[in-house]
Structures are given as structure tokens and as C-alpha cells.
Amino acid sequence: MTTFVPPIRRKAAGRNHYYVDGTGARMPGVTTILGNGLPKKALIDWAANATADAAVNNWDELGDMPVAARLAKLKKARYEDRDAAAKRGTEVHALAEHLVRGERIPVPTELRGHVEAYVRFLDEWDVEPVLVEFVVASYRYGYAGTADLIADLTMPDGQVVRWLLDIKTTRSGVFGETALQLAAYRYADIYIDTTTPEMHGPLGIEEPMLPVQATGVVHVRADGYSLVPVTAGEQQLTDFRYVQQVGRFDAESRDLIGEPLTPLDPNGERARIVYERTSR
């Protein structure tokens, strides 16, 4: 059991957010833990490809720039690509939250394909939302996070199954670390119920985490969607905790290295071995 105490709160910080406990202490987020403790090999190739694409697509413009400005633009290229993808993902998540509640909303032209794909998902699987965009936390293991959706879906055999779902909009598909993310959400101790603000105020009340029967990803793209099952069981929770410890070690490892030592008498006599050069 960690030292975090209730209530857990999510705090906005620009386009990002973080979590604090009842004392104001920061509680690590699930995606932050994964980012700090799990190397992403695909990002190495992605960074190189994004930079190469920027060079080819802006060849003439780069050629007219001074060398220093040209280098600076290429260094920023991958971040511009990343930020655009993150912005799209944030916007799709926000729209999806309204759509799953059955609300009518204006849709930006550039996101129409994503929205139409998500609406098809809602219709084709007869989605009945249970919890939407909700904060979870584990006092046992010291993390918090925001899950996208718990919903009842009607399977092809007619059976209704309760799913914990994460919405992804990445062009590259669903990565394996999503299993650890979903496991952390699934086995959290509590979630924050904000559905009755008239009773518990706008910050909500902590409730035991709801059990689910399945976990997966709704991969939403401009040209359609995929419902992708993801294994997120107790083994994946254990793996998540390993990643959590690796991240902790990485953050603290420099403190394990001490300062260079000084001998008792640095100015004392020095023993020297003199090698006499001999000639043949």
C-alpha cells in the first residue's frame, strides 16, 4: 500500500493534466508511467521518418534558409507531426464523449471521417455507455489515470458483454503497451463517479472500480474503425508494475552514484616506477 490518501483529483495543465491526492501530492499517471519505464522502439524510426518527410516536402524552402535555420526547422519537424496527431486525438476523444452520450454536436470538417466512423461503432455494436471519460486510481500501487469508456456491447452471437475500452486515433495502429494501460485501469481500486453532482458536488465521489468482462481498443480512423480485443489481465497488471519500477529506477538512478573520493593525503609522496629506455 502506498502513502497516497483520498480524494484523488485530476488537475488541468494546458492541454495536459495531472493527478493529486488529498494532501496535494502528485500521483503518477498511467500513461506517464508507461512513457518513463517502457522504451518505444517504434518512436526511433518514427522520428527519423518524420524528419525525412519534412526535408523532402520542404526541400525548396529549406534550400533558401541559412544553415542554422534549416537545421532548427528539421529538428522541430517531428514535434510538429506529433503535436498535430495529439491535437487530432484530443479532439476526437472530446467529440466521442458527447456522441456516446447521444448528444448532438457540430463536427469540424477535418474530423468528419473520424466522427462518422465512431458513430458506426456505436450503432453497429449497440453501445450502451456505463462510464464515460472517468478517473481511476490505485492506492495499492500508486497510480491514477483517465479511462475512456466502460460500455455494454452486443456481440455477434447476441450476448451483451461489458467492455473497458480505450479510444485510439493513431495512424500506426494499436501498440502492445495498451495492454498494460488497460490492465492498470481495469484493476484500479476506485473510480470517481461524477454522475450525481447534485448529491456529491462537481468533483464526484470515489466508488469501487466496476468489473468488466472484456478489454479492448476502438481504433478510430478517417476511413473507418476497428474494435480490437486486448488481453489485459492480472499478468499484464504485474507487467505494468514492473514498468513502474523501471521508471522509478531511471528517475532515481543518478542518486546512486556518489562523488569522486579524495585520498587521505593527496599531497604525500608518490611512488613512481621509472622505465629506463634501452637501446638494442
C-alpha atoms as a PDB file:
ATOM      1  CA  MET A   1       0.000   0.000   0.000  1.00  0.00           C
ATOM      2  CA  THR A   2       1.339   3.435  -0.911  1.00  0.00           C
ATOM      3  CA  THR A   3       1.084   6.632   1.134  1.00  0.00           C
ATOM      4  CA  PHE A   4      -1.424   8.364  -1.150  1.00  0.00           C
ATOM      5  CA  VAL A   5      -4.698   9.357   0.503  1.00  0.00           C
ATOM      6  CA  PRO A   6      -8.130  10.268  -0.850  1.00  0.00           C
ATOM      7  CA  PRO A   7      -9.615  12.132  -2.509  1.00  0.00           C
ATOM      8  CA  ILE A   8      -7.852  11.898  -5.875  1.00  0.00           C
ATOM      9  CA  ARG A   9      -8.317  14.872  -8.188  1.00  0.00           C
ATOM     10  CA  ARG A  10      -7.420  15.472 -11.812  1.00  0.00           C
ATOM     11  CA  LYS A  11      -5.903  18.904 -12.483  1.00  0.00           C
ATOM     12  CA  ALA A  12      -5.758  20.595 -15.883  1.00  0.00           C
ATOM     13  CA  ALA A  13      -2.435  21.977 -17.128  1.00  0.00           C
ATOM     14  CA  GLY A  14      -2.961  23.453 -20.584  1.00  0.00           C
ATOM     15  CA  ARG A  15      -3.615  20.595 -22.980  1.00  0.00           C
ATOM     16  CA  ASN A  16      -2.282  18.145 -20.405  1.00  0.00           C
ATOM     17  CA  HIS A  17      -3.366  17.088 -16.940  1.00  0.00           C
ATOM     18  CA  TYR A  18      -2.028  15.536 -13.760  1.00  0.00           C
ATOM     19  CA  TYR A  19      -3.366  13.952 -10.569  1.00  0.00           C
ATOM     20  CA  VAL A  20      -3.054  14.882  -6.897  1.00  0.00           C
ATOM     21  CA  ASP A  21      -4.158  13.114  -3.748  1.00  0.00           C
ATOM     22  CA  GLY A  22      -5.877  14.535  -0.679  1.00  0.00           C
ATOM     23  CA  THR A  23      -2.649  16.139   0.580  1.00  0.00           C
ATOM     24  CA  GLY A  24      -1.808  17.730  -2.761  1.00  0.00           C
ATOM     25  CA  ALA A  25       0.926  15.181  -3.525  1.00  0.00           C
ATOM     26  CA  ARG A  26       1.277  14.287  -7.185  1.00  0.00           C
ATOM     27  CA  MET A  27       0.091  10.802  -8.089  1.00  0.00           C
ATOM     28  CA  PRO A  28       1.803   9.339 -11.186  1.00  0.00           C
ATOM     29  CA  GLY A  29      -0.441   8.877 -14.209  1.00  0.00           C
ATOM     30  CA  VAL A  30      -0.700   5.568 -16.058  1.00  0.00           C
ATOM     31  CA  THR A  31       0.478   6.922 -19.415  1.00  0.00           C
ATOM     32  CA  THR A  32       3.315   8.830 -17.729  1.00  0.00           C
ATOM     33  CA  ILE A  33       4.468   5.637 -16.004  1.00  0.00           C
ATOM     34  CA  LEU A  34       4.471   3.790 -19.326  1.00  0.00           C
ATOM     35  CA  GLY A  35       6.312   6.635 -21.033  1.00  0.00           C
ATOM     36  CA  ASN A  36       9.028   6.709 -18.361  1.00  0.00           C
ATOM     37  CA  GLY A  37       9.538   2.973 -17.969  1.00  0.00           C
ATOM     38  CA  LEU A  38       8.898   1.349 -21.333  1.00  0.00           C
ATOM     39  CA  PRO A  39      11.189   2.077 -24.312  1.00  0.00           C
ATOM     40  CA  LYS A  40       9.280   2.730 -27.522  1.00  0.00           C
ATOM     41  CA  LYS A  41      11.403   1.310 -30.307  1.00  0.00           C
ATOM     42  CA  ALA A  42       8.926   2.416 -32.951  1.00  0.00           C
ATOM     43  CA  LEU A  43       9.483   6.062 -31.988  1.00  0.00           C
ATOM     44  CA  ILE A  44      13.086   5.889 -33.166  1.00  0.00           C
ATOM     45  CA  ASP A  45      12.043   5.039 -36.705  1.00  0.00           C
ATOM     46  CA  TRP A  46       9.102   7.444 -36.489  1.00  0.00           C
ATOM     47  CA  ALA A  47      11.356  10.381 -35.554  1.00  0.00           C
ATOM     48  CA  ALA A  48      13.722   9.636 -38.431  1.00  0.00           C
ATOM     49  CA  ASN A  49      10.867   9.219 -40.907  1.00  0.00           C
ATOM     50  CA  ALA A  50       9.118  12.414 -39.784  1.00  0.00           C
ATOM     51  CA  THR A  51      12.347  14.382 -40.219  1.00  0.00           C
ATOM     52  CA  ALA A  52      12.998  12.848 -43.643  1.00  0.00           C
ATOM     53  CA  ASP A  53       9.437  13.610 -44.766  1.00  0.00           C
ATOM     54  CA  ALA A  54       9.790  17.220 -43.662  1.00  0.00           C
ATOM     55  CA  ALA A  55      13.049  17.557 -45.586  1.00  0.00           C
ATOM     56  CA  VAL A  56      11.585  16.156 -48.815  1.00  0.00           C
ATOM     57  CA  ASN A  57       8.307  18.074 -48.573  1.00  0.00           C
ATOM     58  CA  ASN A  58      10.030  21.396 -47.839  1.00  0.00           C
ATOM     59  CA  TRP A  59      13.134  20.948 -49.976  1.00  0.00           C
ATOM     60  CA  ASP A  60      12.991  24.279 -51.817  1.00  0.00           C
ATOM     61  CA  GLU A  61      12.108  26.267 -48.702  1.00  0.00           C
ATOM     62  CA  LEU A  62      14.930  24.660 -46.743  1.00  0.00           C
ATOM     63  CA  GLY A  63      17.379  25.381 -49.531  1.00  0.00           C
ATOM     64  CA  ASP A  64      16.694  29.111 -49.233  1.00  0.00           C
ATOM     65  CA  MET A  65      17.300  29.158 -45.477  1.00  0.00           C
ATOM     66  CA  PRO A  66      20.552  29.837 -43.648  1.00  0.00           C
ATOM     67  CA  VAL A  67      22.142  26.637 -42.399  1.00  0.00           C
ATOM     68  CA  ALA A  68      21.300  27.303 -38.734  1.00  0.00           C
ATOM     69  CA  ALA A  69      17.625  27.993 -39.505  1.00  0.00           C
ATOM     70  CA  ARG A  70      17.454  24.945 -41.765  1.00  0.00           C
ATOM     71  CA  LEU A  71      18.807  22.730 -39.003  1.00  0.00           C
ATOM     72  CA  ALA A  72      16.418  24.206 -36.437  1.00  0.00           C
ATOM     73  CA  LYS A  73      13.405  23.571 -38.686  1.00  0.00           C
ATOM     74  CA  LEU A  74      14.374  19.950 -39.263  1.00  0.00           C
ATOM     75  CA  LYS A  75      14.918  19.389 -35.538  1.00  0.00           C
ATOM     76  CA  LYS A  76      11.367  20.612 -34.852  1.00  0.00           C
ATOM     77  CA  ALA A  77       9.742  18.646 -37.677  1.00  0.00           C
ATOM     78  CA  ARG A  78       8.960  15.505 -35.693  1.00  0.00           C
ATOM     79  CA  TYR A  79       7.404  17.515 -32.876  1.00  0.00           C
ATOM     80  CA  GLU A  80       5.097  19.328 -35.285  1.00  0.00           C
ATOM     81  CA  ASP A  81       3.933  15.953 -36.607  1.00  0.00           C
ATOM     82  CA  ARG A  82       3.480  14.612 -33.070  1.00  0.00           C
ATOM     83  CA  ASP A  83       1.593  17.688 -31.878  1.00  0.00           C
ATOM     84  CA  ALA A  84      -0.771  17.561 -34.848  1.00  0.00           C
ATOM     85  CA  ALA A  85      -1.536  13.901 -34.115  1.00  0.00           C
ATOM     86  CA  ALA A  86      -2.031  14.641 -30.407  1.00  0.00           C
ATOM     87  CA  LYS A  87      -4.391  17.518 -31.216  1.00  0.00           C
ATOM     88  CA  ARG A  88      -6.436  15.288 -33.512  1.00  0.00           C
ATOM     89  CA  GLY A  89      -6.610  12.597 -30.845  1.00  0.00           C
ATOM     90  CA  THR A  90      -7.734  15.061 -28.174  1.00  0.00           C
ATOM     91  CA  GLU A  91     -10.448  16.467 -30.427  1.00  0.00           C
ATOM     92  CA  VAL A  92     -11.739  13.019 -31.412  1.00  0.00           C
ATOM     93  CA  HIS A  93     -11.844  11.969 -27.736  1.00  0.00           C
ATOM     94  CA  ALA A  94     -13.837  15.077 -26.836  1.00  0.00           C
ATOM     95  CA  LEU A  95     -16.313  14.506 -29.664  1.00  0.00           C
ATOM     96  CA  ALA A  96     -16.613  10.809 -28.813  1.00  0.00           C
ATOM     97  CA  GLU A  97     -17.532  11.669 -25.228  1.00  0.00           C
ATOM     98  CA  HIS A  98     -20.513  13.697 -26.468  1.00  0.00           C
ATOM     99  CA  LEU A  99     -21.507  11.186 -29.124  1.00  0.00           C
ATOM    100  CA  VAL A 100     -21.604   8.193 -26.791  1.00  0.00           C
ATOM    101  CA  ARG A 101     -23.970  10.163 -24.554  1.00  0.00           C
ATOM    102  CA  GLY A 102     -26.280  10.702 -27.525  1.00  0.00           C
ATOM    103  CA  GLU A 103     -25.633  14.446 -27.741  1.00  0.00           C
ATOM    104  CA  ARG A 104     -25.812  16.443 -30.989  1.00  0.00           C
ATOM    105  CA  ILE A 105     -22.638  18.399 -31.693  1.00  0.00           C
ATOM    106  CA  PRO A 106     -21.064  20.424 -34.514  1.00  0.00           C
ATOM    107  CA  VAL A 107     -18.319  18.460 -36.268  1.00  0.00           C
ATOM    108  CA  PRO A 108     -15.228  20.095 -37.823  1.00  0.00           C
ATOM    109  CA  THR A 109     -14.848  19.204 -41.493  1.00  0.00           C
ATOM    110  CA  GLU A 110     -11.384  17.725 -40.994  1.00  0.00           C
ATOM    111  CA  LEU A 111     -12.739  15.283 -38.384  1.00  0.00           C
ATOM    112  CA  ARG A 112     -15.919  14.255 -40.166  1.00  0.00           C
ATOM    113  CA  GLY A 113     -14.470  10.900 -41.211  1.00  0.00           C
ATOM    114  CA  HIS A 114     -13.420  10.069 -37.649  1.00  0.00           C
ATOM    115  CA  VAL A 115     -16.809  11.059 -36.256  1.00  0.00           C
ATOM    116  CA  GLU A 116     -18.722   9.043 -38.846  1.00  0.00           C
ATOM    117  CA  ALA A 117     -16.528   6.034 -38.056  1.00  0.00           C
ATOM    118  CA  TYR A 118     -17.192   6.356 -34.325  1.00  0.00           C
ATOM    119  CA  VAL A 119     -20.934   6.712 -34.872  1.00  0.00           C
ATOM    120  CA  ARG A 120     -20.848   3.489 -36.907  1.00  0.00           C
ATOM    121  CA  PHE A 121     -19.124   1.784 -33.997  1.00  0.00           C
ATOM    122  CA  LEU A 122     -21.848   2.991 -31.612  1.00  0.00           C
ATOM    123  CA  ASP A 123     -24.612   1.825 -33.938  1.00  0.00           C
ATOM    124  CA  GLU A 124     -23.149  -1.467 -35.123  1.00  0.00           C
ATOM    125  CA  TRP A 125     -22.319  -2.723 -31.621  1.00  0.00           C
ATOM    126  CA  ASP A 126     -25.424  -1.261 -29.959  1.00  0.00           C
ATOM    127  CA  VAL A 127     -23.204   0.515 -27.433  1.00  0.00           C
ATOM    128  CA  GLU A 128     -24.781   1.281 -24.052  1.00  0.00           C
ATOM    129  CA  PRO A 129     -22.404   3.500 -22.039  1.00  0.00           C
ATOM    130  CA  VAL A 130     -21.885   2.765 -18.354  1.00  0.00           C
ATOM    131  CA  LEU A 131     -18.983   5.129 -17.543  1.00  0.00           C
ATOM    132  CA  VAL A 132     -17.571   7.761 -19.895  1.00  0.00           C
ATOM    133  CA  GLU A 133     -14.198   9.561 -19.535  1.00  0.00           C
ATOM    134  CA  PHE A 134     -13.666   8.783 -15.856  1.00  0.00           C
ATOM    135  CA  VAL A 135     -10.749   8.989 -13.436  1.00  0.00           C
ATOM    136  CA  VAL A 136      -9.454   5.825 -11.768  1.00  0.00           C
ATOM    137  CA  ALA A 137      -6.825   5.372  -9.073  1.00  0.00           C
ATOM    138  CA  SER A 138      -4.931   2.639  -7.252  1.00  0.00           C
ATOM    139  CA  TYR A 139      -3.932   3.355  -3.671  1.00  0.00           C
ATOM    140  CA  ARG A 140      -2.292  -0.086  -3.528  1.00  0.00           C
ATOM    141  CA  TYR A 141       0.152   0.602  -6.344  1.00  0.00           C
ATOM    142  CA  GLY A 142       0.258   4.383  -6.501  1.00  0.00           C
ATOM    143  CA  TYR A 143      -1.150   5.487  -9.837  1.00  0.00           C
ATOM    144  CA  ALA A 144      -4.110   7.287 -11.369  1.00  0.00           C
ATOM    145  CA  GLY A 145      -5.447   7.639 -14.884  1.00  0.00           C
ATOM    146  CA  THR A 146      -8.374   8.567 -17.088  1.00  0.00           C
ATOM    147  CA  ALA A 147     -10.190   5.739 -18.826  1.00  0.00           C
ATOM    148  CA  ASP A 148     -12.274   6.409 -21.925  1.00  0.00           C
ATOM    149  CA  LEU A 149     -15.264   4.118 -21.680  1.00  0.00           C
ATOM    150  CA  ILE A 150     -16.974   1.225 -19.954  1.00  0.00           C
ATOM    151  CA  ALA A 151     -19.923   0.097 -22.049  1.00  0.00           C
ATOM    152  CA  ASP A 152     -22.167  -2.855 -22.770  1.00  0.00           C
ATOM    153  CA  LEU A 153     -21.766  -4.113 -26.356  1.00  0.00           C
ATOM    154  CA  THR A 154     -23.936  -6.621 -28.174  1.00  0.00           C
ATOM    155  CA  MET A 155     -21.743  -9.358 -29.635  1.00  0.00           C
ATOM    156  CA  PRO A 156     -22.423 -11.149 -32.961  1.00  0.00           C
ATOM    157  CA  ASP A 157     -23.966 -14.069 -31.044  1.00  0.00           C
ATOM    158  CA  GLY A 158     -26.414 -11.713 -29.347  1.00  0.00           C
ATOM    159  CA  GLN A 159     -24.673 -11.819 -25.968  1.00  0.00           C
ATOM    160  CA  VAL A 160     -24.259  -8.485 -24.167  1.00  0.00           C
ATOM    161  CA  VAL A 161     -20.704  -8.069 -22.847  1.00  0.00           C
ATOM    162  CA  ARG A 162     -19.331  -5.308 -20.637  1.00  0.00           C
ATOM    163  CA  TRP A 163     -16.113  -3.847 -22.087  1.00  0.00           C
ATOM    164  CA  LEU A 164     -13.450  -1.468 -20.829  1.00  0.00           C
ATOM    165  CA  LEU A 165     -12.429   0.419 -23.972  1.00  0.00           C
ATOM    166  CA  ASP A 166      -9.698   2.859 -24.920  1.00  0.00           C
ATOM    167  CA  ILE A 167     -10.101   5.058 -27.998  1.00  0.00           C
ATOM    168  CA  LYS A 168      -7.034   5.309 -30.243  1.00  0.00           C
ATOM    169  CA  THR A 169      -6.617   7.504 -33.316  1.00  0.00           C
ATOM    170  CA  THR A 170      -3.000   6.743 -34.218  1.00  0.00           C
ATOM    171  CA  ARG A 171      -2.253   6.069 -37.873  1.00  0.00           C
ATOM    172  CA  SER A 172       0.153   3.281 -36.897  1.00  0.00           C
ATOM    173  CA  GLY A 173      -2.414   1.117 -35.110  1.00  0.00           C
ATOM    174  CA  VAL A 174      -2.551  -0.332 -31.606  1.00  0.00           C
ATOM    175  CA  PHE A 175       0.691  -0.971 -29.705  1.00  0.00           C
ATOM    176  CA  GLY A 176       1.281  -3.734 -27.168  1.00  0.00           C
ATOM    177  CA  GLU A 177       1.719  -1.325 -24.266  1.00  0.00           C
ATOM    178  CA  THR A 178      -2.024  -0.643 -24.498  1.00  0.00           C
ATOM    179  CA  ALA A 179      -2.498  -3.991 -22.725  1.00  0.00           C
ATOM    180  CA  LEU A 180      -0.639  -2.605 -19.705  1.00  0.00           C
ATOM    181  CA  GLN A 181      -2.590   0.650 -19.833  1.00  0.00           C
ATOM    182  CA  LEU A 182      -5.928  -1.158 -19.851  1.00  0.00           C
ATOM    183  CA  ALA A 183      -4.818  -3.562 -17.106  1.00  0.00           C
ATOM    184  CA  ALA A 184      -3.900  -0.615 -14.883  1.00  0.00           C
ATOM    185  CA  TYR A 185      -7.345   0.885 -15.413  1.00  0.00           C
ATOM    186  CA  ARG A 186      -9.135  -2.440 -15.023  1.00  0.00           C
ATOM    187  CA  TYR A 187      -7.522  -3.292 -11.679  1.00  0.00           C
ATOM    188  CA  ALA A 188      -7.628   0.191 -10.164  1.00  0.00           C
ATOM    189  CA  ASP A 189      -9.115   0.387  -6.675  1.00  0.00           C
ATOM    190  CA  ILE A 190     -11.632   3.139  -7.350  1.00  0.00           C
ATOM    191  CA  TYR A 191     -13.181   5.339  -9.981  1.00  0.00           C
ATOM    192  CA  ILE A 192     -14.602   8.817  -9.449  1.00  0.00           C
ATOM    193  CA  ASP A 193     -18.343   8.961 -10.051  1.00  0.00           C
ATOM    194  CA  THR A 194     -19.354  12.424 -11.287  1.00  0.00           C
ATOM    195  CA  THR A 195     -22.830  11.464 -12.483  1.00  0.00           C
ATOM    196  CA  THR A 196     -24.663  12.900  -9.453  1.00  0.00           C
ATOM    197  CA  PRO A 197     -23.245  16.407  -8.845  1.00  0.00           C
ATOM    198  CA  GLU A 198     -26.460  17.412  -7.063  1.00  0.00           C
ATOM    199  CA  MET A 199     -25.612  14.837  -4.363  1.00  0.00           C
ATOM    200  CA  HIS A 200     -21.816  14.790  -4.214  1.00  0.00           C
ATOM    201  CA  GLY A 201     -20.774  18.060  -5.843  1.00  0.00           C
ATOM    202  CA  PRO A 202     -18.951  18.577  -9.152  1.00  0.00           C
ATOM    203  CA  LEU A 203     -15.836  16.681  -8.007  1.00  0.00           C
ATOM    204  CA  GLY A 204     -17.782  13.464  -7.533  1.00  0.00           C
ATOM    205  CA  ILE A 205     -17.335  10.594  -5.123  1.00  0.00           C
ATOM    206  CA  GLU A 206     -14.990   7.602  -5.101  1.00  0.00           C
ATOM    207  CA  GLU A 207     -16.592   4.238  -5.816  1.00  0.00           C
ATOM    208  CA  PRO A 208     -15.098   0.725  -6.132  1.00  0.00           C
ATOM    209  CA  MET A 209     -13.914   0.061  -9.680  1.00  0.00           C
ATOM    210  CA  LEU A 210     -16.527  -1.698 -11.795  1.00  0.00           C
ATOM    211  CA  PRO A 211     -15.676  -5.211 -13.038  1.00  0.00           C
ATOM    212  CA  VAL A 212     -15.665  -5.821 -16.788  1.00  0.00           C
ATOM    213  CA  GLN A 213     -15.762  -8.935 -18.940  1.00  0.00           C
ATOM    214  CA  ALA A 214     -13.548  -7.770 -21.802  1.00  0.00           C
ATOM    215  CA  THR A 215     -10.979  -5.105 -22.648  1.00  0.00           C
ATOM    216  CA  GLY A 216     -10.075  -3.579 -25.967  1.00  0.00           C
ATOM    217  CA  VAL A 217      -9.452  -0.610 -28.227  1.00  0.00           C
ATOM    218  CA  VAL A 218     -11.724   1.276 -30.576  1.00  0.00           C
ATOM    219  CA  HIS A 219      -9.269   2.279 -33.301  1.00  0.00           C
ATOM    220  CA  VAL A 220     -10.944   5.259 -34.968  1.00  0.00           C
ATOM    221  CA  ARG A 221      -9.650   6.472 -38.329  1.00  0.00           C
ATOM    222  CA  ALA A 222     -10.888   8.788 -41.053  1.00  0.00           C
ATOM    223  CA  ASP A 223     -11.717   5.755 -43.215  1.00  0.00           C
ATOM    224  CA  GLY A 224     -13.406   3.591 -40.574  1.00  0.00           C
ATOM    225  CA  TYR A 225     -12.932   1.919 -37.223  1.00  0.00           C
ATOM    226  CA  SER A 226     -11.825  -1.393 -35.716  1.00  0.00           C
ATOM    227  CA  LEU A 227     -12.886  -2.964 -32.427  1.00  0.00           C
ATOM    228  CA  VAL A 228      -9.677  -4.648 -31.293  1.00  0.00           C
ATOM    229  CA  PRO A 229      -9.714  -7.067 -28.319  1.00  0.00           C
ATOM    230  CA  VAL A 230      -6.749  -6.607 -25.968  1.00  0.00           C
ATOM    231  CA  THR A 231      -5.588  -9.034 -23.287  1.00  0.00           C
ATOM    232  CA  ALA A 232      -5.396  -7.009 -20.071  1.00  0.00           C
ATOM    233  CA  GLY A 233      -5.443  -9.471 -17.194  1.00  0.00           C
ATOM    234  CA  GLU A 234      -3.597  -9.858 -13.909  1.00  0.00           C
ATOM    235  CA  GLN A 235      -0.331 -10.794 -15.654  1.00  0.00           C
ATOM    236  CA  GLN A 236      -0.452  -7.522 -17.584  1.00  0.00           C
ATOM    237  CA  LEU A 237      -1.036  -5.658 -14.316  1.00  0.00           C
ATOM    238  CA  THR A 238       2.092  -7.339 -12.939  1.00  0.00           C
ATOM    239  CA  ASP A 239       3.988  -6.307 -16.063  1.00  0.00           C
ATOM    240  CA  PHE A 240       2.715  -2.745 -15.634  1.00  0.00           C
ATOM    241  CA  ARG A 241       4.119  -2.729 -12.104  1.00  0.00           C
ATOM    242  CA  TYR A 242       7.497  -3.894 -13.436  1.00  0.00           C
ATOM    243  CA  VAL A 243       7.461  -0.975 -15.873  1.00  0.00           C
ATOM    244  CA  GLN A 244       6.526   1.312 -12.985  1.00  0.00           C
ATOM    245  CA  GLN A 245       9.614   0.170 -11.061  1.00  0.00           C
ATOM    246  CA  VAL A 246      11.900   0.571 -14.073  1.00  0.00           C
ATOM    247  CA  GLY A 247      10.675   4.148 -14.457  1.00  0.00           C
ATOM    248  CA  ARG A 248      11.271   4.792 -10.763  1.00  0.00           C
ATOM    249  CA  PHE A 249      14.802   3.407 -11.019  1.00  0.00           C
ATOM    250  CA  ASP A 250      15.529   5.514 -14.096  1.00  0.00           C
ATOM    251  CA  ALA A 251      14.377   8.654 -12.294  1.00  0.00           C
ATOM    252  CA  GLU A 252      16.390   7.881  -9.159  1.00  0.00           C
ATOM    253  CA  SER A 253      19.420   6.091 -10.595  1.00  0.00           C
ATOM    254  CA  ARG A 254      21.674   9.158 -10.703  1.00  0.00           C
ATOM    255  CA  ASP A 255      21.344   9.428  -6.925  1.00  0.00           C
ATOM    256  CA  LEU A 256      23.022   6.017  -6.612  1.00  0.00           C
ATOM    257  CA  ILE A 257      26.289   7.410  -7.978  1.00  0.00           C
ATOM    258  CA  GLY A 258      28.407   9.224  -5.428  1.00  0.00           C
ATOM    259  CA  GLU A 259      31.022  11.956  -5.775  1.00  0.00           C
ATOM    260  CA  PRO A 260      34.642  11.015  -6.572  1.00  0.00           C
ATOM    261  CA  LEU A 261      36.691  10.229  -3.451  1.00  0.00           C
ATOM    262  CA  THR A 262      39.834  12.069  -2.367  1.00  0.00           C
ATOM    263  CA  PRO A 263      42.748  10.142  -0.787  1.00  0.00           C
ATOM    264  CA  LEU A 264      43.727  10.850   2.821  1.00  0.00           C
ATOM    265  CA  ASP A 265      46.893  12.739   1.842  1.00  0.00           C
ATOM    266  CA  PRO A 266      46.668  13.818  -1.777  1.00  0.00           C
ATOM    267  CA  ASN A 267      49.977  15.704  -1.478  1.00  0.00           C
ATOM    268  CA  GLY A 268      52.002  12.858   0.039  1.00  0.00           C
ATOM    269  CA  GLU A 269      54.994  11.156  -1.530  1.00  0.00           C
ATOM    270  CA  ARG A 270      54.325   9.420  -4.777  1.00  0.00           C
ATOM    271  CA  ALA A 271      55.842   6.107  -5.643  1.00  0.00           C
ATOM    272  CA  ARG A 272      56.988   6.063  -9.213  1.00  0.00           C
ATOM    273  CA  ILE A 273      58.218   3.357 -11.475  1.00  0.00           C
ATOM    274  CA  VAL A 274      60.728   4.632 -13.960  1.00  0.00           C
ATOM    275  CA  TYR A 275      61.238   2.617 -17.054  1.00  0.00           C
ATOM    276  CA  GLU A 276      64.709   3.093 -18.441  1.00  0.00           C
ATOM    277  CA  ARG A 277      64.755   3.226 -22.182  1.00  0.00           C
ATOM    278  CA  THR A 278      67.303   0.775 -23.528  1.00  0.00           C
ATOM    279  CA  SER A 279      68.753   0.637 -26.959  1.00  0.00           C
ATOM    280  CA  ARG A 280      69.363  -2.505 -28.900  1.00  0.00           C
END
